[in-house]
């Protein structure tokens, strides 16, 4: 059973890293949207390509408010914080109980 326990522990650590990295990518995207960045820059294109599919789904549900305020990055960051607070410790606890 220790192999499955180690697998869940490693999965929890990997998921924690991936969620944290994606959160920083979203923060970078939000900062880029405040400045007049070159849309042909590879970094800007990467940030938009990685985040736009998720943010566009949130925008379908939550409209952009008056004045052009887009709360979709904040909602996505809150969802990622929830997943890091709930899912990662649950997987770590599952790994400890199996080992």
C-alpha atoms as a PDB file:
ATOM      1  CA  UNK A   1       0.000   0.000   0.000  1.00  0.00           C
ATOM      2  CA  UNK A   2       2.958   2.339   0.421  1.00  0.00           C
ATOM      3  CA  UNK A   3       3.229   2.718  -3.361  1.00  0.00           C
ATOM      4  CA  UNK A   4      -0.322   4.082  -3.609  1.00  0.00           C
ATOM      5  CA  UNK A   5       0.340   6.266  -0.571  1.00  0.00           C
ATOM      6  CA  UNK A   6       3.468   7.704  -2.172  1.00  0.00           C
ATOM      7  CA  UNK A   7       1.571   8.211  -5.432  1.00  0.00           C
ATOM      8  CA  UNK A   8      -1.138  10.274  -3.704  1.00  0.00           C
ATOM      9  CA  UNK A   9       1.485  12.276  -1.810  1.00  0.00           C
ATOM     10  CA  UNK A  10       3.368  13.035  -5.023  1.00  0.00           C
ATOM     11  CA  UNK A  11       0.112  13.850  -6.819  1.00  0.00           C
ATOM     12  CA  UNK A  12      -0.827  16.287  -4.048  1.00  0.00           C
ATOM     13  CA  UNK A  13       2.560  18.015  -4.251  1.00  0.00           C
ATOM     14  CA  UNK A  14       2.402  18.228  -8.040  1.00  0.00           C
ATOM     15  CA  UNK A  15      -1.144  19.575  -7.952  1.00  0.00           C
ATOM     16  CA  UNK A  16      -0.145  22.164  -5.353  1.00  0.00           C
ATOM     17  CA  UNK A  17       2.730  23.335  -7.569  1.00  0.00           C
ATOM     18  CA  UNK A  18       0.577  23.427 -10.720  1.00  0.00           C
ATOM     19  CA  UNK A  19      -2.224  25.393  -9.049  1.00  0.00           C
ATOM     20  CA  UNK A  20       0.270  27.837  -7.556  1.00  0.00           C
ATOM     21  CA  UNK A  21       2.036  28.330 -10.908  1.00  0.00           C
ATOM     22  CA  UNK A  22      -1.286  28.868 -12.704  1.00  0.00           C
ATOM     23  CA  UNK A  23      -2.284  31.436 -10.103  1.00  0.00           C
ATOM     24  CA  UNK A  24       0.913  33.391 -10.806  1.00  0.00           C
ATOM     25  CA  UNK A  25       0.256  33.134 -14.535  1.00  0.00           C
ATOM     26  CA  UNK A  26      -3.186  34.670 -13.986  1.00  0.00           C
ATOM     27  CA  UNK A  27      -1.647  37.453 -11.898  1.00  0.00           C
ATOM     28  CA  UNK A  28       0.830  38.085 -14.709  1.00  0.00           C
ATOM     29  CA  UNK A  29      -2.003  38.204 -17.203  1.00  0.00           C
ATOM     30  CA  UNK A  30      -3.855  40.749 -15.070  1.00  0.00           C
ATOM     31  CA  UNK A  31      -0.765  42.942 -14.780  1.00  0.00           C
ATOM     32  CA  UNK A  32      -0.136  42.715 -18.538  1.00  0.00           C
ATOM     33  CA  UNK A  33      -3.715  43.875 -19.177  1.00  0.00           C
ATOM     34  CA  UNK A  34      -3.051  47.101 -17.256  1.00  0.00           C
ATOM     35  CA  UNK A  35      -0.195  48.184 -19.520  1.00  0.00           C
ATOM     36  CA  UNK A  36      -0.043  48.578 -23.259  1.00  0.00           C
ATOM     37  CA  UNK A  37       1.847  45.340 -23.959  1.00  0.00           C
ATOM     38  CA  UNK A  38       2.849  44.199 -27.422  1.00  0.00           C
ATOM     39  CA  UNK A  39       0.315  41.500 -28.424  1.00  0.00           C
ATOM     40  CA  UNK A  40       2.947  39.808 -30.607  1.00  0.00           C
ATOM     41  CA  UNK A  41       5.370  39.323 -27.734  1.00  0.00           C
ATOM     42  CA  UNK A  42       5.737  35.561 -27.086  1.00  0.00           C
ATOM     43  CA  UNK A  43       5.299  35.975 -23.333  1.00  0.00           C
ATOM     44  CA  UNK A  44       2.111  38.000 -23.744  1.00  0.00           C
ATOM     45  CA  UNK A  45       0.771  35.500 -26.273  1.00  0.00           C
ATOM     46  CA  UNK A  46       1.575  32.617 -23.894  1.00  0.00           C
ATOM     47  CA  UNK A  47      -0.227  34.313 -21.005  1.00  0.00           C
ATOM     48  CA  UNK A  48      -3.319  34.939 -23.122  1.00  0.00           C
ATOM     49  CA  UNK A  49      -3.370  31.447 -24.664  1.00  0.00           C
ATOM     50  CA  UNK A  50      -3.047  29.714 -21.305  1.00  0.00           C
ATOM     51  CA  UNK A  51      -5.589  31.797 -19.393  1.00  0.00           C
ATOM     52  CA  UNK A  52      -8.211  32.849 -21.941  1.00  0.00           C
ATOM     53  CA  UNK A  53     -10.071  29.504 -22.210  1.00  0.00           C
ATOM     54  CA  UNK A  54     -10.806  29.465 -18.470  1.00  0.00           C
ATOM     55  CA  UNK A  55     -11.406  33.191 -18.110  1.00  0.00           C
ATOM     56  CA  UNK A  56     -13.828  33.273 -21.055  1.00  0.00           C
ATOM     57  CA  UNK A  57     -15.960  30.578 -19.398  1.00  0.00           C
ATOM     58  CA  UNK A  58     -16.119  32.637 -16.220  1.00  0.00           C
ATOM     59  CA  UNK A  59     -17.011  35.766 -18.223  1.00  0.00           C
ATOM     60  CA  UNK A  60     -20.023  33.955 -19.697  1.00  0.00           C
ATOM     61  CA  UNK A  61     -21.420  33.580 -16.180  1.00  0.00           C
ATOM     62  CA  UNK A  62     -20.160  36.810 -14.583  1.00  0.00           C
ATOM     63  CA  UNK A  63     -20.563  39.860 -16.812  1.00  0.00           C
ATOM     64  CA  UNK A  64     -18.034  42.681 -17.046  1.00  0.00           C
ATOM     65  CA  UNK A  65     -19.220  45.521 -14.819  1.00  0.00           C
ATOM     66  CA  UNK A  66     -19.600  49.176 -15.724  1.00  0.00           C
ATOM     67  CA  UNK A  67     -16.315  50.876 -16.356  1.00  0.00           C
ATOM     68  CA  UNK A  68     -14.804  47.743 -17.846  1.00  0.00           C
ATOM     69  CA  UNK A  69     -14.074  45.981 -14.547  1.00  0.00           C
ATOM     70  CA  UNK A  70     -13.411  42.321 -15.235  1.00  0.00           C
ATOM     71  CA  UNK A  71     -13.610  40.219 -12.081  1.00  0.00           C
ATOM     72  CA  UNK A  72     -12.960  36.908 -13.832  1.00  0.00           C
ATOM     73  CA  UNK A  73      -9.240  36.738 -12.863  1.00  0.00           C
ATOM     74  CA  UNK A  74     -10.132  37.363  -9.215  1.00  0.00           C
ATOM     75  CA  UNK A  75     -12.840  34.702  -9.286  1.00  0.00           C
ATOM     76  CA  UNK A  76     -10.426  32.223 -10.856  1.00  0.00           C
ATOM     77  CA  UNK A  77      -7.730  33.013  -8.278  1.00  0.00           C
ATOM     78  CA  UNK A  78     -10.252  32.462  -5.474  1.00  0.00           C
ATOM     79  CA  UNK A  79     -11.223  29.117  -7.016  1.00  0.00           C
ATOM     80  CA  UNK A  80      -7.557  28.108  -7.212  1.00  0.00           C
ATOM     81  CA  UNK A  81      -7.014  29.112  -3.578  1.00  0.00           C
ATOM     82  CA  UNK A  82     -10.016  26.985  -2.621  1.00  0.00           C
ATOM     83  CA  UNK A  83      -8.622  23.997  -4.527  1.00  0.00           C
ATOM     84  CA  UNK A  84      -5.214  24.444  -2.904  1.00  0.00           C
ATOM     85  CA  UNK A  85      -6.851  24.684   0.529  1.00  0.00           C
ATOM     86  CA  UNK A  86      -9.210  21.741   0.074  1.00  0.00           C
ATOM     87  CA  UNK A  87      -7.966  19.294  -2.528  1.00  0.00           C
ATOM     88  CA  UNK A  88      -4.242  19.290  -1.776  1.00  0.00           C
ATOM     89  CA  UNK A  89      -4.598  18.648   2.003  1.00  0.00           C
ATOM     90  CA  UNK A  90      -7.230  16.005   1.272  1.00  0.00           C
ATOM     91  CA  UNK A  91      -4.834  14.148  -1.005  1.00  0.00           C
ATOM     92  CA  UNK A  92      -2.037  14.459   1.573  1.00  0.00           C
ATOM     93  CA  UNK A  93      -4.346  13.119   4.281  1.00  0.00           C
ATOM     94  CA  UNK A  94      -5.399  10.259   2.015  1.00  0.00           C
ATOM     95  CA  UNK A  95      -1.743   9.418   1.434  1.00  0.00           C
ATOM     96  CA  UNK A  96      -1.037   9.421   5.183  1.00  0.00           C
ATOM     97  CA  UNK A  97      -3.980   7.147   5.991  1.00  0.00           C
ATOM     98  CA  UNK A  98      -3.035   4.664   3.276  1.00  0.00           C
ATOM     99  CA  UNK A  99       0.611   4.481   4.347  1.00  0.00           C
END
